């Protein structure tokens, strides 16, 4: 779900109203499907997606600073947050990428 979540969150950065539905539910979790109409070109969405520091909420970071987030847009790349102490957090790993799709 985390790689899908990344795409959904980027879509919300550029989208208007969205709809969601639970498509699967198990004892240990669930899967949701969210859709949104984005009035932007694939290139614009892609350019926004790969810069999470510009659209991610600082409230959802360990450092409380979205500017500490980076995304390496390649297979094997990662969504990384650097911490003021010199440490860091790897939030996600890119497993599939086909820019600008």
PDB file of N, CA and C in Angstrom:
ATOM      1  N   UNK A   1       0.815  -1.193   0.000  1.00  0.00           N
ATOM      2  CA  UNK A   1       0.000   0.000   0.000  1.00  0.00           C
ATOM      3  C   UNK A   1       0.855   1.251   0.000  1.00  0.00           C
ATOM      4  N   UNK A   2       2.066   1.265   0.546  1.00  0.00           N
ATOM      5  CA  UNK A   2       2.848   2.483   0.674  1.00  0.00           C
ATOM      6  C   UNK A   2       3.213   3.112  -0.659  1.00  0.00           C
ATOM      7  N   UNK A   3       3.529   2.316  -1.686  1.00  0.00           N
ATOM      8  CA  UNK A   3       3.868   2.927  -2.977  1.00  0.00           C
ATOM      9  C   UNK A   3       2.639   3.555  -3.609  1.00  0.00           C
ATOM     10  N   UNK A   4       1.475   2.950  -3.414  1.00  0.00           N
ATOM     11  CA  UNK A   4       0.237   3.535  -3.915  1.00  0.00           C
ATOM     12  C   UNK A   4      -0.089   4.796  -3.141  1.00  0.00           C
ATOM     13  N   UNK A   5       0.161   4.766  -1.855  1.00  0.00           N
ATOM     14  CA  UNK A   5      -0.109   5.930  -1.016  1.00  0.00           C
ATOM     15  C   UNK A   5       0.663   7.143  -1.500  1.00  0.00           C
ATOM     16  N   UNK A   6       1.895   6.936  -1.882  1.00  0.00           N
ATOM     17  CA  UNK A   6       2.715   8.031  -2.390  1.00  0.00           C
ATOM     18  C   UNK A   6       2.072   8.694  -3.596  1.00  0.00           C
ATOM     19  N   UNK A   7       1.597   7.896  -4.522  1.00  0.00           N
ATOM     20  CA  UNK A   7       0.951   8.450  -5.716  1.00  0.00           C
ATOM     21  C   UNK A   7      -0.341   9.162  -5.376  1.00  0.00           C
ATOM     22  N   UNK A   8      -1.099   8.593  -4.453  1.00  0.00           N
ATOM     23  CA  UNK A   8      -2.366   9.210  -4.057  1.00  0.00           C
ATOM     24  C   UNK A   8      -2.117  10.560  -3.406  1.00  0.00           C
ATOM     25  N   UNK A   9      -1.133  10.609  -2.523  1.00  0.00           N
ATOM     26  CA  UNK A   9      -0.848  11.870  -1.839  1.00  0.00           C
ATOM     27  C   UNK A   9      -0.394  12.950  -2.804  1.00  0.00           C
ATOM     28  N   UNK A  10       0.394  12.565  -3.773  1.00  0.00           N
ATOM     29  CA  UNK A  10       0.826  13.539  -4.781  1.00  0.00           C
ATOM     30  C   UNK A  10      -0.367  14.024  -5.588  1.00  0.00           C
ATOM     31  N   UNK A  11      -1.277  13.125  -5.897  1.00  0.00           N
ATOM     32  CA  UNK A  11      -2.464  13.509  -6.649  1.00  0.00           C
ATOM     33  C   UNK A  11      -3.295  14.519  -5.876  1.00  0.00           C
ATOM     34  N   UNK A  12      -3.400  14.331  -4.566  1.00  0.00           N
ATOM     35  CA  UNK A  12      -4.166  15.269  -3.750  1.00  0.00           C
ATOM     36  C   UNK A  12      -3.542  16.653  -3.731  1.00  0.00           C
ATOM     37  N   UNK A  13      -2.243  16.717  -3.915  1.00  0.00           N
ATOM     38  CA  UNK A  13      -1.568  18.008  -3.943  1.00  0.00           C
ATOM     39  C   UNK A  13      -2.048  18.859  -5.122  1.00  0.00           C
ATOM     40  N   UNK A  14      -2.510  18.198  -6.189  1.00  0.00           N
ATOM     41  CA  UNK A  14      -2.940  18.908  -7.394  1.00  0.00           C
ATOM     42  C   UNK A  14      -4.430  18.763  -7.694  1.00  0.00           C
ATOM     43  N   UNK A  15      -5.127  18.009  -6.898  1.00  0.00           N
ATOM     44  CA  UNK A  15      -6.499  17.642  -7.241  1.00  0.00           C
ATOM     45  C   UNK A  15      -7.540  18.409  -6.429  1.00  0.00           C
ATOM     46  N   UNK A  16      -8.747  18.293  -6.901  1.00  0.00           N
ATOM     47  CA  UNK A  16      -9.895  18.813  -6.183  1.00  0.00           C
ATOM     48  C   UNK A  16     -10.524  17.695  -5.368  1.00  0.00           C
ATOM     49  N   UNK A  17     -11.856  17.639  -5.320  1.00  0.00           N
ATOM     50  CA  UNK A  17     -12.551  16.634  -4.541  1.00  0.00           C
ATOM     51  C   UNK A  17     -12.172  15.212  -4.981  1.00  0.00           C
ATOM     52  N   UNK A  18     -12.131  14.324  -4.003  1.00  0.00           N
ATOM     53  CA  UNK A  18     -11.775  12.936  -4.271  1.00  0.00           C
ATOM     54  C   UNK A  18     -12.785  12.011  -3.619  1.00  0.00           C
ATOM     55  N   UNK A  19     -12.770  10.756  -4.041  1.00  0.00           N
ATOM     56  CA  UNK A  19     -13.632   9.753  -3.448  1.00  0.00           C
ATOM     57  C   UNK A  19     -12.803   8.552  -3.043  1.00  0.00           C
ATOM     58  N   UNK A  20     -13.218   7.848  -1.992  1.00  0.00           N
ATOM     59  CA  UNK A  20     -12.471   6.686  -1.526  1.00  0.00           C
ATOM     60  C   UNK A  20     -13.440   5.562  -1.204  1.00  0.00           C
ATOM     61  N   UNK A  21     -12.943   4.327  -1.331  1.00  0.00           N
ATOM     62  CA  UNK A  21     -13.730   3.172  -0.950  1.00  0.00           C
ATOM     63  C   UNK A  21     -12.800   2.099  -0.405  1.00  0.00           C
ATOM     64  N   UNK A  22     -13.292   1.329   0.562  1.00  0.00           N
ATOM     65  CA  UNK A  22     -12.545   0.193   1.076  1.00  0.00           C
ATOM     66  C   UNK A  22     -12.772  -0.955   0.100  1.00  0.00           C
ATOM     67  N   UNK A  23     -11.690  -1.487  -0.469  1.00  0.00           N
ATOM     68  CA  UNK A  23     -11.814  -2.555  -1.454  1.00  0.00           C
ATOM     69  C   UNK A  23     -11.422  -3.915  -0.897  1.00  0.00           C
ATOM     70  N   UNK A  24     -10.804  -3.938   0.293  1.00  0.00           N
ATOM     71  CA  UNK A  24     -10.426  -5.187   0.931  1.00  0.00           C
ATOM     72  C   UNK A  24     -10.232  -4.922   2.420  1.00  0.00           C
ATOM     73  N   UNK A  25     -10.649  -5.877   3.243  1.00  0.00           N
ATOM     74  CA  UNK A  25     -10.480  -5.742   4.679  1.00  0.00           C
ATOM     75  C   UNK A  25     -10.099  -7.093   5.265  1.00  0.00           C
ATOM     76  N   UNK A  26      -9.019  -7.104   6.037  1.00  0.00           N
ATOM     77  CA  UNK A  26      -8.527  -8.307   6.698  1.00  0.00           C
ATOM     78  C   UNK A  26      -8.323  -7.989   8.176  1.00  0.00           C
ATOM     79  N   UNK A  27      -8.035  -9.018   8.966  1.00  0.00           N
ATOM     80  CA  UNK A  27      -7.811  -8.820  10.397  1.00  0.00           C
ATOM     81  C   UNK A  27      -6.610  -7.917  10.673  1.00  0.00           C
ATOM     82  N   UNK A  28      -5.621  -7.926   9.760  1.00  0.00           N
ATOM     83  CA  UNK A  28      -4.401  -7.163   9.999  1.00  0.00           C
ATOM     84  C   UNK A  28      -4.304  -5.876   9.181  1.00  0.00           C
ATOM     85  N   UNK A  29      -5.373  -5.465   8.528  1.00  0.00           N
ATOM     86  CA  UNK A  29      -5.330  -4.219   7.775  1.00  0.00           C
ATOM     87  C   UNK A  29      -6.406  -4.132   6.723  1.00  0.00           C
ATOM     88  N   UNK A  30      -6.322  -3.115   5.908  1.00  0.00           N
ATOM     89  CA  UNK A  30      -7.307  -2.912   4.855  1.00  0.00           C
ATOM     90  C   UNK A  30      -6.656  -2.199   3.684  1.00  0.00           C
ATOM     91  N   UNK A  31      -7.331  -2.240   2.555  1.00  0.00           N
ATOM     92  CA  UNK A  31      -6.885  -1.557   1.343  1.00  0.00           C
ATOM     93  C   UNK A  31      -7.967  -0.586   0.924  1.00  0.00           C
ATOM     94  N   UNK A  32      -7.563   0.635   0.628  1.00  0.00           N
ATOM     95  CA  UNK A  32      -8.523   1.604   0.114  1.00  0.00           C
ATOM     96  C   UNK A  32      -8.129   1.994  -1.294  1.00  0.00           C
ATOM     97  N   UNK A  33      -9.108   2.381  -2.057  1.00  0.00           N
ATOM     98  CA  UNK A  33      -8.874   2.903  -3.398  1.00  0.00           C
ATOM     99  C   UNK A  33      -9.407   4.328  -3.406  1.00  0.00           C
ATOM    100  N   UNK A  34      -8.524   5.247  -3.754  1.00  0.00           N
ATOM    101  CA  UNK A  34      -8.906   6.647  -3.833  1.00  0.00           C
ATOM    102  C   UNK A  34      -8.697   7.127  -5.255  1.00  0.00           C
ATOM    103  N   UNK A  35      -9.617   7.923  -5.729  1.00  0.00           N
ATOM    104  CA  UNK A  35      -9.500   8.480  -7.067  1.00  0.00           C
ATOM    105  C   UNK A  35      -9.674   9.993  -6.992  1.00  0.00           C
ATOM    106  N   UNK A  36      -9.036  10.662  -7.922  1.00  0.00           N
ATOM    107  CA  UNK A  36      -9.143  12.118  -7.987  1.00  0.00           C
ATOM    108  C   UNK A  36      -8.917  12.555  -9.426  1.00  0.00           C
ATOM    109  N   UNK A  37      -9.652  13.554  -9.837  1.00  0.00           N
ATOM    110  CA  UNK A  37      -9.441  14.150 -11.154  1.00  0.00           C
ATOM    111  C   UNK A  37      -8.402  15.255 -11.001  1.00  0.00           C
ATOM    112  N   UNK A  38      -7.364  15.184 -11.799  1.00  0.00           N
ATOM    113  CA  UNK A  38      -6.282  16.162 -11.705  1.00  0.00           C
ATOM    114  C   UNK A  38      -6.265  16.990 -12.982  1.00  0.00           C
ATOM    115  N   UNK A  39      -6.426  18.276 -12.820  1.00  0.00           N
ATOM    116  CA  UNK A  39      -6.438  19.180 -13.968  1.00  0.00           C
ATOM    117  C   UNK A  39      -5.015  19.662 -14.242  1.00  0.00           C
ATOM    118  N   UNK A  40      -4.150  18.716 -14.548  1.00  0.00           N
ATOM    119  CA  UNK A  40      -2.758  19.043 -14.852  1.00  0.00           C
ATOM    120  C   UNK A  40      -2.208  17.963 -15.771  1.00  0.00           C
ATOM    121  N   UNK A  41      -1.173  18.301 -16.487  1.00  0.00           N
ATOM    122  CA  UNK A  41      -0.552  17.344 -17.400  1.00  0.00           C
ATOM    123  C   UNK A  41       0.230  16.294 -16.601  1.00  0.00           C
ATOM    124  N   UNK A  42       0.461  15.113 -17.189  1.00  0.00           N
ATOM    125  CA  UNK A  42       1.301  14.117 -16.513  1.00  0.00           C
ATOM    126  C   UNK A  42       2.671  14.688 -16.135  1.00  0.00           C
ATOM    127  N   UNK A  43       3.240  15.516 -16.973  1.00  0.00           N
ATOM    128  CA  UNK A  43       4.547  16.107 -16.670  1.00  0.00           C
ATOM    129  C   UNK A  43       4.490  16.993 -15.424  1.00  0.00           C
ATOM    130  N   UNK A  44       3.422  17.768 -15.276  1.00  0.00           N
ATOM    131  CA  UNK A  44       3.261  18.634 -14.106  1.00  0.00           C
ATOM    132  C   UNK A  44       3.062  17.801 -12.841  1.00  0.00           C
ATOM    133  N   UNK A  45       2.241  16.762 -12.930  1.00  0.00           N
ATOM    134  CA  UNK A  45       2.022  15.883 -11.779  1.00  0.00           C
ATOM    135  C   UNK A  45       3.340  15.217 -11.389  1.00  0.00           C
ATOM    136  N   UNK A  46       4.079  14.728 -12.378  1.00  0.00           N
ATOM    137  CA  UNK A  46       5.370  14.080 -12.123  1.00  0.00           C
ATOM    138  C   UNK A  46       6.337  15.043 -11.426  1.00  0.00           C
ATOM    139  N   UNK A  47       6.449  16.251 -11.942  1.00  0.00           N
ATOM    140  CA  UNK A  47       7.366  17.234 -11.360  1.00  0.00           C
ATOM    141  C   UNK A  47       7.009  17.539  -9.904  1.00  0.00           C
ATOM    142  N   UNK A  48       5.727  17.539  -9.594  1.00  0.00           N
ATOM    143  CA  UNK A  48       5.273  17.776  -8.226  1.00  0.00           C
ATOM    144  C   UNK A  48       5.535  16.552  -7.351  1.00  0.00           C
ATOM    145  N   UNK A  49       5.223  15.395  -7.866  1.00  0.00           N
ATOM    146  CA  UNK A  49       5.365  14.146  -7.115  1.00  0.00           C
ATOM    147  C   UNK A  49       6.781  13.947  -6.597  1.00  0.00           C
ATOM    148  N   UNK A  50       7.774  14.227  -7.399  1.00  0.00           N
ATOM    149  CA  UNK A  50       9.145  13.909  -7.016  1.00  0.00           C
ATOM    150  C   UNK A  50       9.783  14.954  -6.084  1.00  0.00           C
ATOM    151  N   UNK A  51       8.994  15.934  -5.667  1.00  0.00           N
ATOM    152  CA  UNK A  51       9.484  16.950  -4.732  1.00  0.00           C
ATOM    153  C   UNK A  51       8.578  17.008  -3.499  1.00  0.00           C
ATOM    154  N   UNK A  52       8.598  15.967  -2.665  1.00  0.00           N
ATOM    155  CA  UNK A  52       7.672  15.924  -1.525  1.00  0.00           C
ATOM    156  C   UNK A  52       7.855  17.062  -0.533  1.00  0.00           C
ATOM    157  N   UNK A  53       9.018  17.661  -0.478  1.00  0.00           N
ATOM    158  CA  UNK A  53       9.228  18.790   0.437  1.00  0.00           C
ATOM    159  C   UNK A  53       8.307  19.959   0.112  1.00  0.00           C
ATOM    160  N   UNK A  54       7.860  20.031  -1.139  1.00  0.00           N
ATOM    161  CA  UNK A  54       7.008  21.133  -1.573  1.00  0.00           C
ATOM    162  C   UNK A  54       5.535  20.932  -1.233  1.00  0.00           C
ATOM    163  N   UNK A  55       5.108  19.675  -0.965  1.00  0.00           N
ATOM    164  CA  UNK A  55       3.680  19.438  -0.759  1.00  0.00           C
ATOM    165  C   UNK A  55       3.328  18.587   0.456  1.00  0.00           C
ATOM    166  N   UNK A  56       4.283  17.921   1.058  1.00  0.00           N
ATOM    167  CA  UNK A  56       4.001  17.053   2.200  1.00  0.00           C
ATOM    168  C   UNK A  56       3.800  17.899   3.456  1.00  0.00           C
ATOM    169  N   UNK A  57       2.879  17.487   4.316  1.00  0.00           N
ATOM    170  CA  UNK A  57       2.620  18.214   5.553  1.00  0.00           C
ATOM    171  C   UNK A  57       3.744  17.974   6.559  1.00  0.00           C
ATOM    172  N   UNK A  58       4.304  19.034   7.121  1.00  0.00           N
ATOM    173  CA  UNK A  58       5.352  18.854   8.129  1.00  0.00           C
ATOM    174  C   UNK A  58       4.838  18.153   9.385  1.00  0.00           C
ATOM    175  N   UNK A  59       3.522  18.161   9.591  1.00  0.00           N
ATOM    176  CA  UNK A  59       2.940  17.472  10.740  1.00  0.00           C
ATOM    177  C   UNK A  59       3.118  15.957  10.654  1.00  0.00           C
ATOM    178  N   UNK A  60       3.400  15.463   9.457  1.00  0.00           N
ATOM    179  CA  UNK A  60       3.550  14.015   9.247  1.00  0.00           C
ATOM    180  C   UNK A  60       5.008  13.655   8.968  1.00  0.00           C
ATOM    181  N   UNK A  61       5.906  14.311   9.673  1.00  0.00           N
ATOM    182  CA  UNK A  61       7.333  14.014   9.584  1.00  0.00           C
ATOM    183  C   UNK A  61       7.880  13.858  11.001  1.00  0.00           C
ATOM    184  N   UNK A  62       8.998  13.185  11.124  1.00  0.00           N
ATOM    185  CA  UNK A  62       9.652  13.057  12.425  1.00  0.00           C
ATOM    186  C   UNK A  62      10.311  14.368  12.838  1.00  0.00           C
ATOM    187  N   UNK A  63      10.832  15.097  11.869  1.00  0.00           N
ATOM    188  CA  UNK A  63      11.541  16.342  12.150  1.00  0.00           C
ATOM    189  C   UNK A  63      10.613  17.551  12.240  1.00  0.00           C
ATOM    190  N   UNK A  64       9.358  17.371  11.845  1.00  0.00           N
ATOM    191  CA  UNK A  64       8.378  18.466  11.786  1.00  0.00           C
ATOM    192  C   UNK A  64       8.780  19.535  10.775  1.00  0.00           C
ATOM    193  N   UNK A  65       9.561  19.114   9.764  1.00  0.00           N
ATOM    194  CA  UNK A  65      10.011  20.010   8.694  1.00  0.00           C
ATOM    195  C   UNK A  65       9.919  19.272   7.359  1.00  0.00           C
ATOM    196  N   UNK A  66       8.947  19.616   6.534  1.00  0.00           N
ATOM    197  CA  UNK A  66       8.812  18.965   5.226  1.00  0.00           C
ATOM    198  C   UNK A  66      10.035  19.193   4.351  1.00  0.00           C
ATOM    199  N   UNK A  67      10.743  20.273   4.576  1.00  0.00           N
ATOM    200  CA  UNK A  67      11.923  20.560   3.756  1.00  0.00           C
ATOM    201  C   UNK A  67      13.013  19.506   3.904  1.00  0.00           C
ATOM    202  N   UNK A  68      12.906  18.645   4.915  1.00  0.00           N
ATOM    203  CA  UNK A  68      13.884  17.579   5.128  1.00  0.00           C
ATOM    204  C   UNK A  68      13.587  16.318   4.311  1.00  0.00           C
ATOM    205  N   UNK A  69      12.544  16.352   3.485  1.00  0.00           N
ATOM    206  CA  UNK A  69      12.149  15.188   2.694  1.00  0.00           C
ATOM    207  C   UNK A  69      12.716  15.249   1.282  1.00  0.00           C
ATOM    208  N   UNK A  70      13.196  14.114   0.805  1.00  0.00           N
ATOM    209  CA  UNK A  70      13.638  13.989  -0.582  1.00  0.00           C
ATOM    210  C   UNK A  70      13.141  12.658  -1.126  1.00  0.00           C
ATOM    211  N   UNK A  71      13.031  12.592  -2.441  1.00  0.00           N
ATOM    212  CA  UNK A  71      12.639  11.360  -3.123  1.00  0.00           C
ATOM    213  C   UNK A  71      13.602  11.151  -4.280  1.00  0.00           C
ATOM    214  N   UNK A  72      14.237   9.999  -4.308  1.00  0.00           N
ATOM    215  CA  UNK A  72      15.134   9.625  -5.398  1.00  0.00           C
ATOM    216  C   UNK A  72      14.294   8.861  -6.418  1.00  0.00           C
ATOM    217  N   UNK A  73      13.887   9.507  -7.527  1.00  0.00           N
ATOM    218  CA  UNK A  73      12.929   8.915  -8.465  1.00  0.00           C
ATOM    219  C   UNK A  73      13.548   7.900  -9.428  1.00  0.00           C
ATOM    220  N   UNK A  74      13.952   6.762  -8.880  1.00  0.00           N
ATOM    221  CA  UNK A  74      14.475   5.656  -9.689  1.00  0.00           C
ATOM    222  C   UNK A  74      14.167   4.368  -8.944  1.00  0.00           C
ATOM    223  N   UNK A  75      14.096   3.263  -9.672  1.00  0.00           N
ATOM    224  CA  UNK A  75      13.881   1.970  -9.021  1.00  0.00           C
ATOM    225  C   UNK A  75      15.003   1.741  -8.020  1.00  0.00           C
ATOM    226  N   UNK A  76      14.642   1.448  -6.796  1.00  0.00           N
ATOM    227  CA  UNK A  76      15.622   1.299  -5.730  1.00  0.00           C
ATOM    228  C   UNK A  76      15.875   2.586  -4.969  1.00  0.00           C
ATOM    229  N   UNK A  77      15.394   3.702  -5.516  1.00  0.00           N
ATOM    230  CA  UNK A  77      15.519   4.983  -4.820  1.00  0.00           C
ATOM    231  C   UNK A  77      14.619   4.991  -3.599  1.00  0.00           C
ATOM    232  N   UNK A  78      14.733   6.002  -2.774  1.00  0.00           N
ATOM    233  CA  UNK A  78      13.969   6.028  -1.534  1.00  0.00           C
ATOM    234  C   UNK A  78      13.424   7.417  -1.234  1.00  0.00           C
ATOM    235  N   UNK A  79      12.377   7.425  -0.407  1.00  0.00           N
ATOM    236  CA  UNK A  79      11.815   8.636   0.190  1.00  0.00           C
ATOM    237  C   UNK A  79      12.536   8.753   1.530  1.00  0.00           C
ATOM    238  N   UNK A  80      13.362   9.767   1.680  1.00  0.00           N
ATOM    239  CA  UNK A  80      14.224   9.919   2.848  1.00  0.00           C
ATOM    240  C   UNK A  80      13.902  11.221   3.579  1.00  0.00           C
ATOM    241  N   UNK A  81      13.974  11.155   4.890  1.00  0.00           N
ATOM    242  CA  UNK A  81      13.868  12.350   5.722  1.00  0.00           C
ATOM    243  C   UNK A  81      15.160  12.464   6.522  1.00  0.00           C
ATOM    244  N   UNK A  82      15.834  13.585   6.377  1.00  0.00           N
ATOM    245  CA  UNK A  82      17.021  13.816   7.195  1.00  0.00           C
ATOM    246  C   UNK A  82      16.589  14.448   8.515  1.00  0.00           C
ATOM    247  N   UNK A  83      17.258  14.072   9.586  1.00  0.00           N
ATOM    248  CA  UNK A  83      16.935  14.585  10.911  1.00  0.00           C
ATOM    249  C   UNK A  83      17.999  15.586  11.359  1.00  0.00           C
ATOM    250  N   UNK A  84      17.612  16.588  12.146  1.00  0.00           N
ATOM    251  CA  UNK A  84      18.555  17.614  12.578  1.00  0.00           C
ATOM    252  C   UNK A  84      19.770  17.049  13.315  1.00  0.00           C
ATOM    253  N   UNK A  85      19.610  15.905  13.937  1.00  0.00           N
ATOM    254  CA  UNK A  85      20.696  15.291  14.698  1.00  0.00           C
ATOM    255  C   UNK A  85      21.761  14.663  13.805  1.00  0.00           C
ATOM    256  N   UNK A  86      21.503  14.634  12.496  1.00  0.00           N
ATOM    257  CA  UNK A  86      22.404  13.967  11.573  1.00  0.00           C
ATOM    258  C   UNK A  86      21.903  12.593  11.183  1.00  0.00           C
ATOM    259  N   UNK A  87      20.834  12.147  11.809  1.00  0.00           N
ATOM    260  CA  UNK A  87      20.230  10.857  11.482  1.00  0.00           C
ATOM    261  C   UNK A  87      19.269  10.987  10.319  1.00  0.00           C
ATOM    262  N   UNK A  88      18.473   9.950  10.122  1.00  0.00           N
ATOM    263  CA  UNK A  88      17.515   9.974   9.035  1.00  0.00           C
ATOM    264  C   UNK A  88      16.508   8.849   9.130  1.00  0.00           C
ATOM    265  N   UNK A  89      15.500   8.933   8.266  1.00  0.00           N
ATOM    266  CA  UNK A  89      14.436   7.940   8.198  1.00  0.00           C
ATOM    267  C   UNK A  89      14.206   7.585   6.740  1.00  0.00           C
ATOM    268  N   UNK A  90      14.167   6.289   6.427  1.00  0.00           N
ATOM    269  CA  UNK A  90      13.772   5.852   5.088  1.00  0.00           C
ATOM    270  C   UNK A  90      12.295   5.484   5.179  1.00  0.00           C
ATOM    271  N   UNK A  91      11.442   6.321   4.606  1.00  0.00           N
ATOM    272  CA  UNK A  91       9.996   6.123   4.700  1.00  0.00           C
ATOM    273  C   UNK A  91       9.497   5.084   3.694  1.00  0.00           C
ATOM    274  N   UNK A  92      10.008   5.118   2.488  1.00  0.00           N
ATOM    275  CA  UNK A  92       9.558   4.209   1.434  1.00  0.00           C
ATOM    276  C   UNK A  92      10.688   3.959   0.458  1.00  0.00           C
ATOM    277  N   UNK A  93      10.550   2.867  -0.308  1.00  0.00           N
ATOM    278  CA  UNK A  93      11.497   2.552  -1.371  1.00  0.00           C
ATOM    279  C   UNK A  93      10.718   2.478  -2.678  1.00  0.00           C
ATOM    280  N   UNK A  94      11.258   3.054  -3.738  1.00  0.00           N
ATOM    281  CA  UNK A  94      10.631   3.021  -5.056  1.00  0.00           C
ATOM    282  C   UNK A  94      10.838   1.624  -5.644  1.00  0.00           C
ATOM    283  N   UNK A  95       9.731   0.959  -5.981  1.00  0.00           N
ATOM    284  CA  UNK A  95       9.838  -0.376  -6.572  1.00  0.00           C
ATOM    285  C   UNK A  95       9.449  -0.396  -8.044  1.00  0.00           C
ATOM    286  N   UNK A  96       8.741   0.626  -8.499  1.00  0.00           N
ATOM    287  CA  UNK A  96       8.345   0.724  -9.906  1.00  0.00           C
ATOM    288  C   UNK A  96       8.310   2.189 -10.278  1.00  0.00           C
ATOM    289  N   UNK A  97       8.861   2.489 -11.428  1.00  0.00           N
ATOM    290  CA  UNK A  97       8.834   3.881 -11.879  1.00  0.00           C
ATOM    291  C   UNK A  97       8.843   3.904 -13.396  1.00  0.00           C
ATOM    292  N   UNK A  98       8.002   4.739 -13.979  1.00  0.00           N
ATOM    293  CA  UNK A  98       7.913   4.886 -15.426  1.00  0.00           C
ATOM    294  C   UNK A  98       7.519   6.332 -15.720  1.00  0.00           C
ATOM    295  N   UNK A  99       8.479   7.270 -15.572  1.00  0.00           N
ATOM    296  CA  UNK A  99       8.152   8.681 -15.726  1.00  0.00           C
ATOM    297  C   UNK A  99       7.631   9.013 -17.120  1.00  0.00           C
ATOM    298  N   UNK A 100       6.730   9.912 -17.269  1.00  0.00           N
ATOM    299  CA  UNK A 100       6.014  10.652 -16.225  1.00  0.00           C
ATOM    300  C   UNK A 100       4.668  10.031 -15.878  1.00  0.00           C
ATOM    301  N   UNK A 101       4.571   8.718 -15.923  1.00  0.00           N
ATOM    302  CA  UNK A 101       3.285   8.056 -15.616  1.00  0.00           C
ATOM    303  C   UNK A 101       3.130   7.808 -14.131  1.00  0.00           C
TER     304      UNK A 101
END
